[in-house]
Amino acid sequence: MKQLLMQLRKIIFCRQRKGMQENEQLLSENQQLLAENDQLLSDVTEAKKKIIRLQLVEENTQKECGKKS
């Protein structure tokens, strides 16, 4: 009975350790995905700024051309 209890403890310990390793791996992957997400968000923000600038330039150009003609 005592030996069975010891084996059970070893199994539980092994599974806990394996679970912790899996959690660490998932955490690492999650951190990498968050970093990629931050970069993509930054890229989208910059792209939006450029689009707004281009729209303003286009509006100003149309206004200037309208005044000249």
Protein backbone atom coordinates (compact mmCIF):
# COMPACT_ATOMS: atom_id res chain seq x y z
CA MET A 1 0.00 0.00 0.00
CA LYS A 2 2.83 2.35 0.91
CA GLN A 3 4.61 1.56 -2.34
CA LEU A 4 1.42 2.26 -4.30
CA LEU A 5 1.09 5.60 -2.56
CA MET A 6 4.69 6.48 -3.44
CA GLN A 7 4.10 5.56 -7.09
CA LEU A 8 0.98 7.70 -7.12
CA ARG A 9 2.92 10.65 -5.71
CA LYS A 10 5.60 10.21 -8.39
CA ILE A 11 2.93 10.16 -11.11
CA ILE A 12 1.28 13.28 -9.71
CA PHE A 13 4.62 15.08 -9.40
CA CYS A 14 5.58 14.10 -12.95
CA ARG A 15 2.27 15.31 -14.36
CA GLN A 16 2.48 18.56 -12.42
CA ARG A 17 5.99 19.16 -13.73
CA LYS A 18 4.89 18.37 -17.28
CA GLY A 19 1.92 20.72 -16.86
CA MET A 20 4.20 23.51 -15.64
CA GLN A 21 6.50 23.02 -18.61
CA GLU A 22 3.54 23.19 -20.98
CA ASN A 23 2.32 26.34 -19.24
CA GLU A 24 5.75 27.94 -19.58
CA GLN A 25 5.81 27.07 -23.29
CA LEU A 26 2.32 28.51 -23.79
CA LEU A 27 3.26 31.63 -21.86
CA SER A 28 6.32 32.09 -24.06
CA GLU A 29 4.24 31.67 -27.22
CA ASN A 30 1.65 34.08 -25.85
CA GLN A 31 4.30 36.72 -25.15
CA GLN A 32 5.64 36.33 -28.69
CA LEU A 33 2.14 36.72 -30.14
CA LEU A 34 1.54 39.80 -28.01
CA ALA A 35 4.76 41.35 -29.30
CA GLU A 36 3.72 40.58 -32.89
CA ASN A 37 0.28 42.03 -32.19
CA ASP A 38 1.81 45.23 -30.81
CA GLN A 39 3.94 45.55 -33.95
CA LEU A 40 0.94 45.00 -36.22
CA LEU A 41 -1.08 47.55 -34.27
CA SER A 42 1.74 50.04 -34.62
CA ASP A 43 1.94 49.36 -38.37
CA VAL A 44 -1.82 49.85 -38.76
CA THR A 45 -1.69 53.10 -36.78
CA GLU A 46 1.10 54.42 -39.01
CA ALA A 47 -0.79 53.37 -42.13
CA LYS A 48 -3.91 55.19 -40.91
CA LYS A 49 -1.86 58.34 -40.29
CA LYS A 50 -0.45 58.16 -43.82
CA ILE A 51 -3.93 57.68 -45.30
CA ILE A 52 -5.23 60.72 -43.40
CA ARG A 53 -2.26 62.80 -44.61
CA LEU A 54 -2.87 61.71 -48.21
CA GLN A 55 -6.57 62.55 -47.91
CA LEU A 56 -5.72 66.01 -46.60
CA VAL A 57 -3.23 66.56 -49.42
CA GLU A 58 -5.84 65.45 -51.94
CA GLU A 59 -8.48 67.77 -50.45
CA ASN A 60 -6.06 70.70 -50.44
CA THR A 61 -5.01 69.96 -54.01
CA GLN A 62 -8.64 69.87 -55.14
CA LYS A 63 -9.33 73.16 -53.36
CA GLU A 64 -6.26 74.79 -54.93
CA CYS A 65 -7.11 73.50 -58.40
CA GLY A 66 -10.69 74.68 -57.97
CA LYS A 67 -9.48 78.18 -57.05
CA LYS A 68 -7.07 78.38 -60.00
CA SER A 69 -9.57 77.39 -62.67
